Protein backbone atom coordinates (compact mmCIF):
# COMPACT_ATOMS: atom_id res chain seq x y z
CA MET A 1 96.82 110.23 93.17
CA SER A 2 99.46 108.53 95.36
CA ILE A 3 100.54 107.86 98.59
CA LYS A 4 104.66 107.86 99.67
CA GLN A 5 105.16 104.46 101.23
CA LEU A 6 108.55 103.49 102.87
CA SER A 7 110.32 100.88 101.81
CA VAL A 8 112.63 99.67 104.65
CA PHE A 9 115.02 97.02 104.65
CA VAL A 10 115.04 95.47 108.10
CA GLU A 11 117.86 92.79 108.93
CA ASN A 12 115.98 89.65 110.56
CA LYS A 13 117.38 90.41 114.05
CA PHE A 14 115.82 90.86 117.51
CA GLY A 15 114.81 94.12 118.16
CA ARG A 16 115.47 95.68 114.48
CA VAL A 17 111.33 96.80 114.32
CA SER A 18 111.63 97.99 117.62
CA ASP A 19 114.76 100.20 116.47
CA ILE A 20 112.85 101.89 113.04
CA CYS A 21 109.86 102.40 115.08
CA ASN A 22 111.60 104.32 117.96
CA VAL A 23 113.32 106.85 115.37
CA LEU A 24 110.36 107.37 113.93
CA ALA A 25 108.80 108.26 117.12
CA ASP A 26 111.77 110.12 118.50
CA ASN A 27 111.39 112.23 115.58
CA HIS A 28 107.79 112.95 116.07
CA ILE A 29 106.63 111.25 112.85
CA ASN A 30 103.39 109.14 113.21
CA MET A 31 102.77 105.62 111.22
CA SER A 32 99.58 104.98 109.13
CA ALA A 33 99.94 101.51 107.93
CA LEU A 34 102.80 98.87 108.49
CA SER A 35 102.99 95.76 106.71
CA ILE A 36 106.25 93.51 107.14
CA ALA A 37 107.50 90.82 104.96
CA ASP A 38 110.54 88.21 105.45
CA THR A 39 112.64 86.00 104.80
CA SER A 40 115.02 84.11 107.33
CA GLU A 41 117.91 87.15 106.79
CA PHE A 42 115.77 90.22 106.07
CA GLY A 43 112.82 91.38 105.42
CA VAL A 44 110.83 94.48 103.57
CA ALA A 45 108.92 96.59 105.68
CA ARG A 46 106.58 98.97 104.12
CA ILE A 47 105.57 101.66 106.06
CA ILE A 48 102.90 104.87 105.48
CA VAL A 49 103.88 108.24 107.29
CA ASP A 50 102.59 111.66 107.76
CA LYS A 51 106.38 112.97 106.73
CA PRO A 52 107.64 110.31 104.13
CA GLU A 53 110.58 112.66 103.28
CA GLU A 54 112.05 113.57 106.71
CA ALA A 55 111.32 109.91 107.95
CA LYS A 56 113.43 108.57 105.07
CA LYS A 57 116.04 111.15 105.82
CA VAL A 58 116.32 110.00 109.52
CA LEU A 59 115.98 106.34 108.70
CA ALA A 60 118.93 106.44 106.26
CA GLU A 61 121.12 108.53 108.94
CA SER A 62 120.63 105.61 111.34
CA GLY A 63 121.99 103.27 109.39
CA VAL A 64 119.30 101.22 107.50
CA ILE A 65 118.82 101.01 103.78
CA VAL A 66 115.10 102.82 102.76
CA LYS A 67 113.62 104.15 99.64
CA VAL A 68 110.28 106.23 98.80
CA THR A 69 107.84 103.96 96.60
CA GLU A 70 104.14 105.51 95.37
CA VAL A 71 101.96 103.62 95.23
CA ILE A 72 97.66 103.69 95.49
CA GLY A 73 95.31 103.82 98.40
CA VAL A 74 91.67 102.94 97.46
CA ALA A 75 88.96 102.64 99.78
CA ILE A 76 86.76 99.68 99.64
CA ASP A 77 83.37 98.19 101.17
CA ASP A 78 83.97 96.85 104.54
CA LYS A 79 81.85 94.04 103.19
CA PRO A 80 82.37 89.97 101.60
CA GLY A 81 83.55 91.33 98.40
CA GLY A 82 84.71 94.17 98.45
CA LEU A 83 87.81 93.44 97.64
CA ALA A 84 87.81 91.06 94.81
CA ALA A 85 85.56 93.52 92.97
CA VAL A 86 88.46 95.87 93.07
CA LEU A 87 90.89 93.43 92.08
CA SER A 88 88.42 92.17 89.12
CA LEU A 89 88.34 95.65 88.07
CA LEU A 90 92.01 95.70 87.97
CA LYS A 91 92.56 92.50 86.22
CA GLU A 92 90.00 93.17 83.97
CA GLY A 93 91.69 95.75 82.84
CA GLY A 94 95.03 94.55 82.29
CA VAL A 95 96.77 95.77 85.18
CA SER A 96 98.71 93.18 87.33
CA VAL A 97 99.18 93.89 91.69
CA GLU A 98 102.37 93.57 92.52
CA TYR A 99 101.50 93.99 96.02
CA LEU A 100 99.18 94.76 98.42
CA TYR A 101 98.20 95.05 102.15
CA ALA A 102 95.23 96.42 104.10
CA PHE A 103 94.31 98.59 107.37
CA LEU A 104 90.95 99.95 108.57
CA PRO A 105 91.64 103.91 108.36
CA LYS A 106 90.82 106.51 111.21
CA SER A 107 87.25 107.35 110.04
CA LYS A 108 86.68 103.02 109.82
CA SER A 109 83.60 103.64 107.90
CA HIS A 110 85.71 101.84 104.96
CA ALA A 111 88.70 99.35 104.58
CA MET A 112 91.64 101.11 103.03
CA VAL A 113 93.93 98.91 100.55
CA VAL A 114 97.44 100.21 99.37
CA MET A 115 98.76 98.38 96.34
CA LYS A 116 101.48 98.84 94.06
CA VAL A 117 100.89 97.92 90.70
CA ASN A 118 102.46 97.83 86.88
CA ASP A 119 100.66 100.54 85.86
CA ALA A 120 99.52 102.92 87.93
CA ASP A 121 97.76 105.39 85.11
CA THR A 122 95.83 102.58 84.24
CA ALA A 123 94.78 101.78 87.46
CA GLN A 124 93.84 105.18 88.90
CA ASP A 125 91.95 105.31 85.36
CA LEU A 126 89.97 102.49 86.16
CA PHE A 127 88.71 103.65 89.69
CA ARG A 128 88.07 106.90 88.83
CA LEU A 129 85.83 105.48 85.87
CA ASN A 130 84.07 103.52 88.23
CA GLY A 131 83.71 105.33 91.30
CA ILE A 132 86.35 103.89 93.52
CA HIS A 133 87.57 106.83 95.96
CA MET A 134 91.34 106.84 95.82
CA ALA A 135 92.98 107.48 99.44
CA ASP A 136 95.51 110.59 99.87
CA MET A 137 96.98 111.10 102.62
CA SER A 138 94.23 112.73 104.39
CA ASP A 139 92.26 109.88 104.09
CA ILE A 140 95.07 107.89 105.86
C-alpha cells in the first residue's frame, strides 16, 4: 500500500513556499503533510495532498518542477521507542530508508511516518508480517 507524494523543487527565494501553498489553496487542494529540506540555492518540498495528480498539474502550470513519488506511510505507537522498533525491523530485513518524516494524523491516536525506502515490496511485507498498520489516503 503506497501513498502518492509530491516532490516539489523550490528556489530558495523569498515567498516561494507561500506561492506554492497558494497555488494549492486556490485549486482547493488540501495538504496533509509537508517536509522541506533546503540548500543555499534550492529546496525540496515533500507534500502529501488529497488530489496528487491535480496538484502536480497545477503546480507544473505555475512553473515549478514537480514529480509524484510513491512512499509508504505507517502508523507507529506515539511513545518512546515507537519509531526505533519500525526502523529496526527494516534494518533486520535489509531495507534502507532514503528519507522519512513524521506527522500527527487527524485521529492523533498514533504518529504517522512517511518513508521512501529502497525496497518497498520487502518493507511492506515486513510491516504486514509484524502487524504494523500501513496508511492509505483515508488515514491521512
